[in-house]
Amino acid sequence: MLLRVPSEAPRRSRAARGARAAKGAGRERAPPLPLDAEATERFTALKAWRAEVAREHNLPAYVVFHDATLAEMARALPRSLDALSGISGVGEKKLQSYGAQILEVLGAAAT
């Protein structure tokens, strides 16, 4: 018969773990690469668009695009689907699914 030996660190209850995770929810994070003020505004607009798309499709936001991809879009400010396709993380399927919307968000945020 084996006996369990309690670990050194006390285990937190589910409620405590959930409360800790909820603290970080909704917190604004800095872009994963340095951006000027205008690019930061575009990054924020892209994140808002991504959150809406993720909710509509019941997906985690990172499945739509990672923060690094959004930051590169905000920095590069592509003006065409061809330019957008050159950004890491934008494959053919995502380009077809979201490309026009992304260019619209970037265009609105750039004015």
PDB file of N, CA and C in Angstrom:
ATOM      1  N   MET A   1       0.844  -1.174   0.000  1.00  0.00           N
ATOM      2  CA  MET A   1       0.000   0.000   0.000  1.00  0.00           C
ATOM      3  C   MET A   1       0.891   1.238   0.000  1.00  0.00           C
ATOM      4  N   LEU A   2       0.598   2.170  -0.905  1.00  0.00           N
ATOM      5  CA  LEU A   2       1.362   3.406  -1.001  1.00  0.00           C
ATOM      6  C   LEU A   2       0.619   4.533  -0.317  1.00  0.00           C
ATOM      7  N   LEU A   3       1.363   5.309   0.399  1.00  0.00           N
ATOM      8  CA  LEU A   3       0.782   6.480   1.053  1.00  0.00           C
ATOM      9  C   LEU A   3       1.213   7.724   0.299  1.00  0.00           C
ATOM     10  N   ARG A   4       0.314   8.675   0.183  1.00  0.00           N
ATOM     11  CA  ARG A   4       0.648   9.947  -0.451  1.00  0.00           C
ATOM     12  C   ARG A   4       1.340  10.837   0.554  1.00  0.00           C
ATOM     13  N   VAL A   5       2.417  11.401   0.152  1.00  0.00           N
ATOM     14  CA  VAL A   5       3.131  12.351   0.982  1.00  0.00           C
ATOM     15  C   VAL A   5       2.761  13.740   0.486  1.00  0.00           C
ATOM     16  N   PRO A   6       2.264  14.599   1.373  1.00  0.00           N
ATOM     17  CA  PRO A   6       1.870  15.945   0.926  1.00  0.00           C
ATOM     18  C   PRO A   6       3.087  16.709   0.413  1.00  0.00           C
ATOM     19  N   SER A   7       2.852  17.502  -0.604  1.00  0.00           N
ATOM     20  CA  SER A   7       3.946  18.290  -1.171  1.00  0.00           C
ATOM     21  C   SER A   7       4.288  19.426  -0.216  1.00  0.00           C
ATOM     22  N   GLU A   8       5.425  20.028  -0.466  1.00  0.00           N
ATOM     23  CA  GLU A   8       5.887  21.136   0.379  1.00  0.00           C
ATOM     24  C   GLU A   8       4.962  22.339   0.281  1.00  0.00           C
ATOM     25  N   ALA A   9       4.534  22.681  -0.929  1.00  0.00           N
ATOM     26  CA  ALA A   9       3.692  23.856  -1.128  1.00  0.00           C
ATOM     27  C   ALA A   9       2.227  23.461  -0.964  1.00  0.00           C
ATOM     28  N   PRO A  10       1.478  24.252  -0.212  1.00  0.00           N
ATOM     29  CA  PRO A  10       0.055  23.941  -0.064  1.00  0.00           C
ATOM     30  C   PRO A  10      -0.669  24.192  -1.388  1.00  0.00           C
ATOM     31  N   ARG A  11      -1.638  23.348  -1.679  1.00  0.00           N
ATOM     32  CA  ARG A  11      -2.408  23.501  -2.913  1.00  0.00           C
ATOM     33  C   ARG A  11      -3.480  24.555  -2.703  1.00  0.00           C
ATOM     34  N   ARG A  12      -3.669  25.370  -3.721  1.00  0.00           N
ATOM     35  CA  ARG A  12      -4.726  26.392  -3.655  1.00  0.00           C
ATOM     36  C   ARG A  12      -6.038  25.756  -4.095  1.00  0.00           C
ATOM     37  N   SER A  13      -7.100  26.240  -3.533  1.00  0.00           N
ATOM     38  CA  SER A  13      -8.417  25.744  -3.921  1.00  0.00           C
ATOM     39  C   SER A  13      -8.740  26.224  -5.340  1.00  0.00           C
ATOM     40  N   ARG A  14      -9.741  25.618  -5.949  1.00  0.00           N
ATOM     41  CA  ARG A  14     -10.162  26.049  -7.287  1.00  0.00           C
ATOM     42  C   ARG A  14     -10.581  27.511  -7.262  1.00  0.00           C
ATOM     43  N   ALA A  15     -11.273  27.915  -6.237  1.00  0.00           N
ATOM     44  CA  ALA A  15     -11.723  29.307  -6.143  1.00  0.00           C
ATOM     45  C   ALA A  15     -10.528  30.258  -6.100  1.00  0.00           C
ATOM     46  N   ALA A  16      -9.502  29.892  -5.360  1.00  0.00           N
ATOM     47  CA  ALA A  16      -8.312  30.744  -5.268  1.00  0.00           C
ATOM     48  C   ALA A  16      -7.589  30.796  -6.605  1.00  0.00           C
ATOM     49  N   ARG A  17      -7.504  29.654  -7.285  1.00  0.00           N
ATOM     50  CA  ARG A  17      -6.860  29.647  -8.601  1.00  0.00           C
ATOM     51  C   ARG A  17      -7.667  30.469  -9.592  1.00  0.00           C
ATOM     52  N   GLY A  18      -8.988  30.363  -9.550  1.00  0.00           N
ATOM     53  CA  GLY A  18      -9.848  31.129 -10.450  1.00  0.00           C
ATOM     54  C   GLY A  18      -9.754  32.623 -10.193  1.00  0.00           C
ATOM     55  N   ALA A  19      -9.674  33.002  -8.920  1.00  0.00           N
ATOM     56  CA  ALA A  19      -9.562  34.417  -8.576  1.00  0.00           C
ATOM     57  C   ALA A  19      -8.241  34.977  -9.083  1.00  0.00           C
ATOM     58  N   ARG A  20      -7.198  34.186  -8.986  1.00  0.00           N
ATOM     59  CA  ARG A  20      -5.890  34.640  -9.469  1.00  0.00           C
ATOM     60  C   ARG A  20      -5.922  34.827 -10.977  1.00  0.00           C
ATOM     61  N   ALA A  21      -6.532  33.898 -11.691  1.00  0.00           N
ATOM     62  CA  ALA A  21      -6.615  34.001 -13.148  1.00  0.00           C
ATOM     63  C   ALA A  21      -7.495  35.177 -13.556  1.00  0.00           C
ATOM     64  N   ALA A  22      -8.551  35.436 -12.806  1.00  0.00           N
ATOM     65  CA  ALA A  22      -9.461  36.526 -13.143  1.00  0.00           C
ATOM     66  C   ALA A  22      -8.792  37.891 -12.972  1.00  0.00           C
ATOM     67  N   LYS A  23      -7.823  37.989 -12.071  1.00  0.00           N
ATOM     68  CA  LYS A  23      -7.120  39.258 -11.877  1.00  0.00           C
ATOM     69  C   LYS A  23      -6.455  39.716 -13.159  1.00  0.00           C
ATOM     70  N   GLY A  24      -5.874  38.787 -13.898  1.00  0.00           N
ATOM     71  CA  GLY A  24      -5.160  39.131 -15.121  1.00  0.00           C
ATOM     72  C   GLY A  24      -6.084  39.319 -16.310  1.00  0.00           C
ATOM     73  N   ALA A  25      -7.321  38.872 -16.197  1.00  0.00           N
ATOM     74  CA  ALA A  25      -8.242  38.970 -17.320  1.00  0.00           C
ATOM     75  C   ALA A  25      -8.543  40.429 -17.627  1.00  0.00           C
ATOM     76  N   GLY A  26      -8.493  40.772 -18.899  1.00  0.00           N
ATOM     77  CA  GLY A  26      -8.823  42.121 -19.311  1.00  0.00           C
ATOM     78  C   GLY A  26      -7.696  43.123 -19.154  1.00  0.00           C
ATOM     79  N   ARG A  27      -6.589  42.695 -18.597  1.00  0.00           N
ATOM     80  CA  ARG A  27      -5.466  43.602 -18.394  1.00  0.00           C
ATOM     81  C   ARG A  27      -4.810  43.884 -19.733  1.00  0.00           C
ATOM     82  N   GLU A  28      -4.510  45.156 -19.980  1.00  0.00           N
ATOM     83  CA  GLU A  28      -3.842  45.523 -21.223  1.00  0.00           C
ATOM     84  C   GLU A  28      -2.380  45.147 -21.142  1.00  0.00           C
ATOM     85  N   ARG A  29      -1.922  44.470 -22.151  1.00  0.00           N
ATOM     86  CA  ARG A  29      -0.513  44.096 -22.222  1.00  0.00           C
ATOM     87  C   ARG A  29       0.160  44.960 -23.277  1.00  0.00           C
ATOM     88  N   ALA A  30       1.412  45.197 -23.070  1.00  0.00           N
ATOM     89  CA  ALA A  30       2.184  45.952 -24.045  1.00  0.00           C
ATOM     90  C   ALA A  30       2.356  45.110 -25.300  1.00  0.00           C
ATOM     91  N   PRO A  31       2.461  45.751 -26.464  1.00  0.00           N
ATOM     92  CA  PRO A  31       2.708  44.988 -27.689  1.00  0.00           C
ATOM     93  C   PRO A  31       3.998  44.189 -27.566  1.00  0.00           C
ATOM     94  N   PRO A  32       4.076  43.043 -28.243  1.00  0.00           N
ATOM     95  CA  PRO A  32       5.257  42.189 -28.120  1.00  0.00           C
ATOM     96  C   PRO A  32       6.498  42.734 -28.834  1.00  0.00           C
ATOM     97  N   LEU A  33       6.354  43.842 -29.558  1.00  0.00           N
ATOM     98  CA  LEU A  33       7.522  44.496 -30.142  1.00  0.00           C
ATOM     99  C   LEU A  33       7.320  45.999 -30.043  1.00  0.00           C
ATOM    100  N   PRO A  34       8.409  46.752 -30.052  1.00  0.00           N
ATOM    101  CA  PRO A  34       8.278  48.206 -29.868  1.00  0.00           C
ATOM    102  C   PRO A  34       7.483  48.838 -31.018  1.00  0.00           C
ATOM    103  N   LEU A  35       6.491  49.660 -30.658  1.00  0.00           N
ATOM    104  CA  LEU A  35       5.657  50.349 -31.634  1.00  0.00           C
ATOM    105  C   LEU A  35       5.582  51.826 -31.275  1.00  0.00           C
ATOM    106  N   ASP A  36       5.499  52.682 -32.288  1.00  0.00           N
ATOM    107  CA  ASP A  36       5.295  54.107 -32.000  1.00  0.00           C
ATOM    108  C   ASP A  36       3.830  54.306 -31.603  1.00  0.00           C
ATOM    109  N   ALA A  37       3.459  55.523 -31.271  1.00  0.00           N
ATOM    110  CA  ALA A  37       2.117  55.800 -30.758  1.00  0.00           C
ATOM    111  C   ALA A  37       1.030  55.437 -31.770  1.00  0.00           C
ATOM    112  N   GLU A  38       1.243  55.768 -33.038  1.00  0.00           N
ATOM    113  CA  GLU A  38       0.235  55.472 -34.062  1.00  0.00           C
ATOM    114  C   GLU A  38       0.095  53.965 -34.275  1.00  0.00           C
ATOM    115  N   ALA A  39       1.198  53.253 -34.298  1.00  0.00           N
ATOM    116  CA  ALA A  39       1.148  51.799 -34.458  1.00  0.00           C
ATOM    117  C   ALA A  39       0.501  51.143 -33.243  1.00  0.00           C
ATOM    118  N   THR A  40       0.720  51.717 -32.067  1.00  0.00           N
ATOM    119  CA  THR A  40       0.086  51.187 -30.854  1.00  0.00           C
ATOM    120  C   THR A  40      -1.430  51.347 -30.945  1.00  0.00           C
ATOM    121  N   GLU A  41      -1.898  52.451 -31.500  1.00  0.00           N
ATOM    122  CA  GLU A  41      -3.338  52.636 -31.692  1.00  0.00           C
ATOM    123  C   GLU A  41      -3.884  51.596 -32.675  1.00  0.00           C
ATOM    124  N   ARG A  42      -3.139  51.344 -33.753  1.00  0.00           N
ATOM    125  CA  ARG A  42      -3.569  50.323 -34.709  1.00  0.00           C
ATOM    126  C   ARG A  42      -3.583  48.946 -34.061  1.00  0.00           C
ATOM    127  N   PHE A  43      -2.573  48.650 -33.235  1.00  0.00           N
ATOM    128  CA  PHE A  43      -2.500  47.377 -32.517  1.00  0.00           C
ATOM    129  C   PHE A  43      -3.728  47.214 -31.621  1.00  0.00           C
ATOM    130  N   THR A  44      -4.095  48.258 -30.909  1.00  0.00           N
ATOM    131  CA  THR A  44      -5.271  48.216 -30.026  1.00  0.00           C
ATOM    132  C   THR A  44      -6.543  47.987 -30.839  1.00  0.00           C
ATOM    133  N   ALA A  45      -6.655  48.643 -31.988  1.00  0.00           N
ATOM    134  CA  ALA A  45      -7.829  48.450 -32.848  1.00  0.00           C
ATOM    135  C   ALA A  45      -7.882  47.018 -33.377  1.00  0.00           C
ATOM    136  N   LEU A  46      -6.737  46.481 -33.754  1.00  0.00           N
ATOM    137  CA  LEU A  46      -6.689  45.096 -34.239  1.00  0.00           C
ATOM    138  C   LEU A  46      -7.065  44.111 -33.135  1.00  0.00           C
ATOM    139  N   LYS A  47      -6.621  44.369 -31.907  1.00  0.00           N
ATOM    140  CA  LYS A  47      -6.975  43.485 -30.794  1.00  0.00           C
ATOM    141  C   LYS A  47      -8.480  43.517 -30.527  1.00  0.00           C
ATOM    142  N   ALA A  48      -9.086  44.690 -30.627  1.00  0.00           N
ATOM    143  CA  ALA A  48     -10.539  44.799 -30.435  1.00  0.00           C
ATOM    144  C   ALA A  48     -11.277  44.033 -31.533  1.00  0.00           C
ATOM    145  N   TRP A  49     -10.814  44.180 -32.778  1.00  0.00           N
ATOM    146  CA  TRP A  49     -11.413  43.432 -33.890  1.00  0.00           C
ATOM    147  C   TRP A  49     -11.270  41.933 -33.652  1.00  0.00           C
ATOM    148  N   ARG A  50     -10.074  41.500 -33.245  1.00  0.00           N
ATOM    149  CA  ARG A  50      -9.818  40.074 -33.011  1.00  0.00           C
ATOM    150  C   ARG A  50     -10.728  39.527 -31.911  1.00  0.00           C
ATOM    151  N   ALA A  51     -10.921  40.294 -30.845  1.00  0.00           N
ATOM    152  CA  ALA A  51     -11.793  39.850 -29.749  1.00  0.00           C
ATOM    153  C   ALA A  51     -13.218  39.645 -30.245  1.00  0.00           C
ATOM    154  N   GLU A  52     -13.689  40.539 -31.090  1.00  0.00           N
ATOM    155  CA  GLU A  52     -15.035  40.421 -31.643  1.00  0.00           C
ATOM    156  C   GLU A  52     -15.161  39.175 -32.521  1.00  0.00           C
ATOM    157  N   VAL A  53     -14.188  38.966 -33.387  1.00  0.00           N
ATOM    158  CA  VAL A  53     -14.192  37.787 -34.267  1.00  0.00           C
ATOM    159  C   VAL A  53     -14.125  36.508 -33.432  1.00  0.00           C
ATOM    160  N   ALA A  54     -13.277  36.494 -32.428  1.00  0.00           N
ATOM    161  CA  ALA A  54     -13.136  35.314 -31.567  1.00  0.00           C
ATOM    162  C   ALA A  54     -14.452  34.999 -30.858  1.00  0.00           C
ATOM    163  N   ARG A  55     -15.136  36.031 -30.363  1.00  0.00           N
ATOM    164  CA  ARG A  55     -16.432  35.818 -29.704  1.00  0.00           C
ATOM    165  C   ARG A  55     -17.451  35.255 -30.688  1.00  0.00           C
ATOM    166  N   GLU A  56     -17.493  35.835 -31.896  1.00  0.00           N
ATOM    167  CA  GLU A  56     -18.450  35.373 -32.903  1.00  0.00           C
ATOM    168  C   GLU A  56     -18.256  33.901 -33.255  1.00  0.00           C
ATOM    169  N   HIS A  57     -17.011  33.458 -33.294  1.00  0.00           N
ATOM    170  CA  HIS A  57     -16.708  32.078 -33.676  1.00  0.00           C
ATOM    171  C   HIS A  57     -16.450  31.173 -32.477  1.00  0.00           C
ATOM    172  N   ASN A  58     -16.637  31.711 -31.276  1.00  0.00           N
ATOM    173  CA  ASN A  58     -16.433  30.946 -30.039  1.00  0.00           C
ATOM    174  C   ASN A  58     -15.044  30.312 -30.007  1.00  0.00           C
ATOM    175  N   LEU A  59     -14.034  31.135 -30.258  1.00  0.00           N
ATOM    176  CA  LEU A  59     -12.636  30.696 -30.275  1.00  0.00           C
ATOM    177  C   LEU A  59     -11.820  31.537 -29.315  1.00  0.00           C
ATOM    178  N   PRO A  60     -10.717  31.004 -28.828  1.00  0.00           N
ATOM    179  CA  PRO A  60      -9.785  31.859 -28.089  1.00  0.00           C
ATOM    180  C   PRO A  60      -9.184  32.878 -29.071  1.00  0.00           C
ATOM    181  N   ALA A  61      -8.907  34.068 -28.599  1.00  0.00           N
ATOM    182  CA  ALA A  61      -8.403  35.141 -29.466  1.00  0.00           C
ATOM    183  C   ALA A  61      -7.116  34.735 -30.181  1.00  0.00           C
ATOM    184  N   TYR A  62      -6.234  34.013 -29.502  1.00  0.00           N
ATOM    185  CA  TYR A  62      -4.949  33.668 -30.112  1.00  0.00           C
ATOM    186  C   TYR A  62      -5.102  32.733 -31.308  1.00  0.00           C
ATOM    187  N   VAL A  63      -6.239  32.063 -31.428  1.00  0.00           N
ATOM    188  CA  VAL A  63      -6.468  31.194 -32.575  1.00  0.00           C
ATOM    189  C   VAL A  63      -6.719  32.043 -33.829  1.00  0.00           C
ATOM    190  N   VAL A  64      -7.338  33.203 -33.650  1.00  0.00           N
ATOM    191  CA  VAL A  64      -7.570  34.101 -34.779  1.00  0.00           C
ATOM    192  C   VAL A  64      -6.218  34.637 -35.251  1.00  0.00           C
ATOM    193  N   PHE A  65      -5.491  35.329 -34.384  1.00  0.00           N
ATOM    194  CA  PHE A  65      -4.121  35.783 -34.645  1.00  0.00           C
ATOM    195  C   PHE A  65      -3.427  35.982 -33.309  1.00  0.00           C
ATOM    196  N   HIS A  66      -2.139  35.713 -33.259  1.00  0.00           N
ATOM    197  CA  HIS A  66      -1.335  35.969 -32.072  1.00  0.00           C
ATOM    198  C   HIS A  66      -1.041  37.464 -31.968  1.00  0.00           C
ATOM    199  N   ASP A  67      -0.744  37.920 -30.766  1.00  0.00           N
ATOM    200  CA  ASP A  67      -0.386  39.327 -30.555  1.00  0.00           C
ATOM    201  C   ASP A  67       0.791  39.745 -31.430  1.00  0.00           C
ATOM    202  N   ALA A  68       1.766  38.867 -31.591  1.00  0.00           N
ATOM    203  CA  ALA A  68       2.944  39.215 -32.393  1.00  0.00           C
ATOM    204  C   ALA A  68       2.555  39.496 -33.843  1.00  0.00           C
ATOM    205  N   THR A  69       1.599  38.739 -34.368  1.00  0.00           N
ATOM    206  CA  THR A  69       1.142  38.955 -35.745  1.00  0.00           C
ATOM    207  C   THR A  69       0.407  40.282 -35.841  1.00  0.00           C
ATOM    208  N   LEU A  70      -0.453  40.570 -34.864  1.00  0.00           N
ATOM    209  CA  LEU A  70      -1.171  41.849 -34.868  1.00  0.00           C
ATOM    210  C   LEU A  70      -0.201  43.018 -34.742  1.00  0.00           C
ATOM    211  N   ALA A  71       0.804  42.865 -33.903  1.00  0.00           N
ATOM    212  CA  ALA A  71       1.792  43.938 -33.731  1.00  0.00           C
ATOM    213  C   ALA A  71       2.558  44.182 -35.020  1.00  0.00           C
ATOM    214  N   GLU A  72       2.905  43.120 -35.729  1.00  0.00           N
ATOM    215  CA  GLU A  72       3.609  43.283 -36.999  1.00  0.00           C
ATOM    216  C   GLU A  72       2.703  43.941 -38.038  1.00  0.00           C
ATOM    217  N   MET A  73       1.421  43.596 -38.035  1.00  0.00           N
ATOM    218  CA  MET A  73       0.468  44.262 -38.935  1.00  0.00           C
ATOM    219  C   MET A  73       0.405  45.755 -38.626  1.00  0.00           C
ATOM    220  N   ALA A  74       0.332  46.074 -37.337  1.00  0.00           N
ATOM    221  CA  ALA A  74       0.246  47.472 -36.921  1.00  0.00           C
ATOM    222  C   ALA A  74       1.512  48.233 -37.292  1.00  0.00           C
ATOM    223  N   ARG A  75       2.657  47.597 -37.178  1.00  0.00           N
ATOM    224  CA  ARG A  75       3.933  48.245 -37.500  1.00  0.00           C
ATOM    225  C   ARG A  75       4.090  48.419 -39.006  1.00  0.00           C
ATOM    226  N   ALA A  76       3.810  47.349 -39.775  1.00  0.00           N
ATOM    227  CA  ALA A  76       4.046  47.361 -41.217  1.00  0.00           C
ATOM    228  C   ALA A  76       2.974  48.147 -41.982  1.00  0.00           C
ATOM    229  N   LEU A  77       1.792  48.219 -41.442  1.00  0.00           N
ATOM    230  CA  LEU A  77       0.659  48.901 -42.061  1.00  0.00           C
ATOM    231  C   LEU A  77       0.475  48.500 -43.532  1.00  0.00           C
ATOM    232  N   PRO A  78       0.205  47.211 -43.782  1.00  0.00           N
ATOM    233  CA  PRO A  78       0.010  46.764 -45.160  1.00  0.00           C
ATOM    234  C   PRO A  78      -1.234  47.418 -45.762  1.00  0.00           C
ATOM    235  N   ARG A  79      -1.160  47.755 -47.036  1.00  0.00           N
ATOM    236  CA  ARG A  79      -2.277  48.418 -47.728  1.00  0.00           C
ATOM    237  C   ARG A  79      -2.948  47.513 -48.752  1.00  0.00           C
ATOM    238  N   SER A  80      -2.447  46.288 -48.897  1.00  0.00           N
ATOM    239  CA  SER A  80      -3.036  45.353 -49.860  1.00  0.00           C
ATOM    240  C   SER A  80      -2.999  43.938 -49.282  1.00  0.00           C
ATOM    241  N   LEU A  81      -3.793  43.066 -49.869  1.00  0.00           N
ATOM    242  CA  LEU A  81      -3.787  41.657 -49.448  1.00  0.00           C
ATOM    243  C   LEU A  81      -2.430  41.030 -49.707  1.00  0.00           C
ATOM    244  N   ASP A  82      -1.788  41.431 -50.790  1.00  0.00           N
ATOM    245  CA  ASP A  82      -0.465  40.901 -51.106  1.00  0.00           C
ATOM    246  C   ASP A  82       0.539  41.288 -50.020  1.00  0.00           C
ATOM    247  N   ALA A  83       0.506  42.540 -49.603  1.00  0.00           N
ATOM    248  CA  ALA A  83       1.409  42.994 -48.536  1.00  0.00           C
ATOM    249  C   ALA A  83       1.074  42.298 -47.221  1.00  0.00           C
ATOM    250  N   LEU A  84      -0.206  42.116 -46.952  1.00  0.00           N
ATOM    251  CA  LEU A  84      -0.636  41.443 -45.721  1.00  0.00           C
ATOM    252  C   LEU A  84      -0.174  39.995 -45.697  1.00  0.00           C
ATOM    253  N   SER A  85      -0.149  39.357 -46.862  1.00  0.00           N
ATOM    254  CA  SER A  85       0.250  37.949 -46.926  1.00  0.00           C
ATOM    255  C   SER A  85       1.723  37.755 -46.585  1.00  0.00           C
ATOM    256  N   GLY A  86       2.524  38.810 -46.648  1.00  0.00           N
ATOM    257  CA  GLY A  86       3.936  38.720 -46.310  1.00  0.00           C
ATOM    258  C   GLY A  86       4.232  38.760 -44.825  1.00  0.00           C
ATOM    259  N   ILE A  87       3.212  38.949 -44.013  1.00  0.00           N
ATOM    260  CA  ILE A  87       3.401  39.018 -42.564  1.00  0.00           C
ATOM    261  C   ILE A  87       3.324  37.618 -41.974  1.00  0.00           C
ATOM    262  N   SER A  88       4.288  37.293 -41.131  1.00  0.00           N
ATOM    263  CA  SER A  88       4.336  35.990 -40.487  1.00  0.00           C
ATOM    264  C   SER A  88       3.058  35.758 -39.673  1.00  0.00           C
ATOM    265  N   GLY A  89       2.452  34.600 -39.870  1.00  0.00           N
ATOM    266  CA  GLY A  89       1.226  34.266 -39.150  1.00  0.00           C
ATOM    267  C   GLY A  89      -0.020  34.460 -39.989  1.00  0.00           C
ATOM    268  N   VAL A  90       0.138  35.038 -41.177  1.00  0.00           N
ATOM    269  CA  VAL A  90      -0.993  35.243 -42.078  1.00  0.00           C
ATOM    270  C   VAL A  90      -0.859  34.257 -43.231  1.00  0.00           C
ATOM    271  N   GLY A  91      -1.549  33.143 -43.098  1.00  0.00           N
ATOM    272  CA  GLY A  91      -1.542  32.137 -44.156  1.00  0.00           C
ATOM    273  C   GLY A  91      -2.663  32.400 -45.143  1.00  0.00           C
ATOM    274  N   GLU A  92      -2.743  31.556 -46.148  1.00  0.00           N
ATOM    275  CA  GLU A  92      -3.739  31.723 -47.210  1.00  0.00           C
ATOM    276  C   GLU A  92      -5.163  31.694 -46.663  1.00  0.00           C
ATOM    277  N   LYS A  93      -5.446  30.757 -45.775  1.00  0.00           N
ATOM    278  CA  LYS A  93      -6.805  30.629 -45.230  1.00  0.00           C
ATOM    279  C   LYS A  93      -7.189  31.861 -44.419  1.00  0.00           C
ATOM    280  N   LYS A  94      -6.305  32.314 -43.559  1.00  0.00           N
ATOM    281  CA  LYS A  94      -6.613  33.504 -42.752  1.00  0.00           C
ATOM    282  C   LYS A  94      -6.663  34.751 -43.623  1.00  0.00           C
ATOM    283  N   LEU A  95      -5.852  34.786 -44.653  1.00  0.00           N
ATOM    284  CA  LEU A  95      -5.884  35.914 -45.574  1.00  0.00           C
ATOM    285  C   LEU A  95      -7.249  35.985 -46.256  1.00  0.00           C
ATOM    286  N   GLN A  96      -7.754  34.848 -46.713  1.00  0.00           N
ATOM    287  CA  GLN A  96      -9.070  34.810 -47.362  1.00  0.00           C
ATOM    288  C   GLN A  96     -10.185  35.117 -46.368  1.00  0.00           C
ATOM    289  N   SER A  97     -10.068  34.578 -45.154  1.00  0.00           N
ATOM    290  CA  SER A  97     -11.123  34.750 -44.155  1.00  0.00           C
ATOM    291  C   SER A  97     -11.169  36.156 -43.578  1.00  0.00           C
ATOM    292  N   TYR A  98     -10.007  36.727 -43.299  1.00  0.00           N
ATOM    293  CA  TYR A  98      -9.947  37.971 -42.529  1.00  0.00           C
ATOM    294  C   TYR A  98      -9.244  39.131 -43.226  1.00  0.00           C
ATOM    295  N   GLY A  99      -8.610  38.892 -44.366  1.00  0.00           N
ATOM    296  CA  GLY A  99      -7.770  39.905 -44.990  1.00  0.00           C
ATOM    297  C   GLY A  99      -8.452  41.234 -45.224  1.00  0.00           C
ATOM    298  N   ALA A 100      -9.632  41.218 -45.851  1.00  0.00           N
ATOM    299  CA  ALA A 100     -10.338  42.465 -46.154  1.00  0.00           C
ATOM    300  C   ALA A 100     -10.715  43.200 -44.865  1.00  0.00           C
ATOM    301  N   GLN A 101     -11.134  42.457 -43.843  1.00  0.00           N
ATOM    302  CA  GLN A 101     -11.505  43.075 -42.570  1.00  0.00           C
ATOM    303  C   GLN A 101     -10.291  43.731 -41.911  1.00  0.00           C
ATOM    304  N   ILE A 102      -9.150  43.057 -41.964  1.00  0.00           N
ATOM    305  CA  ILE A 102      -7.932  43.604 -41.360  1.00  0.00           C
ATOM    306  C   ILE A 102      -7.528  44.892 -42.054  1.00  0.00           C
ATOM    307  N   LEU A 103      -7.560  44.895 -43.371  1.00  0.00           N
ATOM    308  CA  LEU A 103      -7.205  46.103 -44.110  1.00  0.00           C
ATOM    309  C   LEU A 103      -8.167  47.240 -43.785  1.00  0.00           C
ATOM    310  N   GLU A 104      -9.433  46.905 -43.570  1.00  0.00           N
ATOM    311  CA  GLU A 104     -10.424  47.905 -43.187  1.00  0.00           C
ATOM    312  C   GLU A 104     -10.112  48.481 -41.809  1.00  0.00           C
ATOM    313  N   VAL A 105      -9.790  47.607 -40.853  1.00  0.00           N
ATOM    314  CA  VAL A 105      -9.447  48.062 -39.496  1.00  0.00           C
ATOM    315  C   VAL A 105      -8.203  48.936 -39.541  1.00  0.00           C
ATOM    316  N   LEU A 106      -7.187  48.496 -40.274  1.00  0.00           N
ATOM    317  CA  LEU A 106      -5.949  49.272 -40.374  1.00  0.00           C
ATOM    318  C   LEU A 106      -6.196  50.618 -41.056  1.00  0.00           C
ATOM    319  N   GLY A 107      -7.020  50.621 -42.091  1.00  0.00           N
ATOM    320  CA  GLY A 107      -7.328  51.874 -42.783  1.00  0.00           C
ATOM    321  C   GLY A 107      -8.060  52.856 -41.894  1.00  0.00           C
ATOM    322  N   ALA A 108      -9.007  52.349 -41.108  1.00  0.00           N
ATOM    323  CA  ALA A 108      -9.770  53.219 -40.208  1.00  0.00           C
ATOM    324  C   ALA A 108      -8.884  53.748 -39.079  1.00  0.00           C
ATOM    325  N   ALA A 109      -7.992  52.906 -38.592  1.00  0.00           N
ATOM    326  CA  ALA A 109      -7.119  53.312 -37.477  1.00  0.00           C
ATOM    327  C   ALA A 109      -6.007  54.247 -37.952  1.00  0.00           C
ATOM    328  N   ALA A 110      -5.675  54.200 -39.235  1.00  0.00           N
ATOM    329  CA  ALA A 110      -4.578  55.017 -39.752  1.00  0.00           C
ATOM    330  C   ALA A 110      -5.015  56.435 -40.069  1.00  0.00           C
ATOM    331  N   THR A 111      -6.317  56.693 -40.109  1.00  0.00           N
ATOM    332  CA  THR A 111      -6.783  58.047 -40.451  1.00  0.00           C
ATOM    333  C   THR A 111      -7.016  58.905 -39.254  1.00  0.00           C
TER     334      THR A 111
END
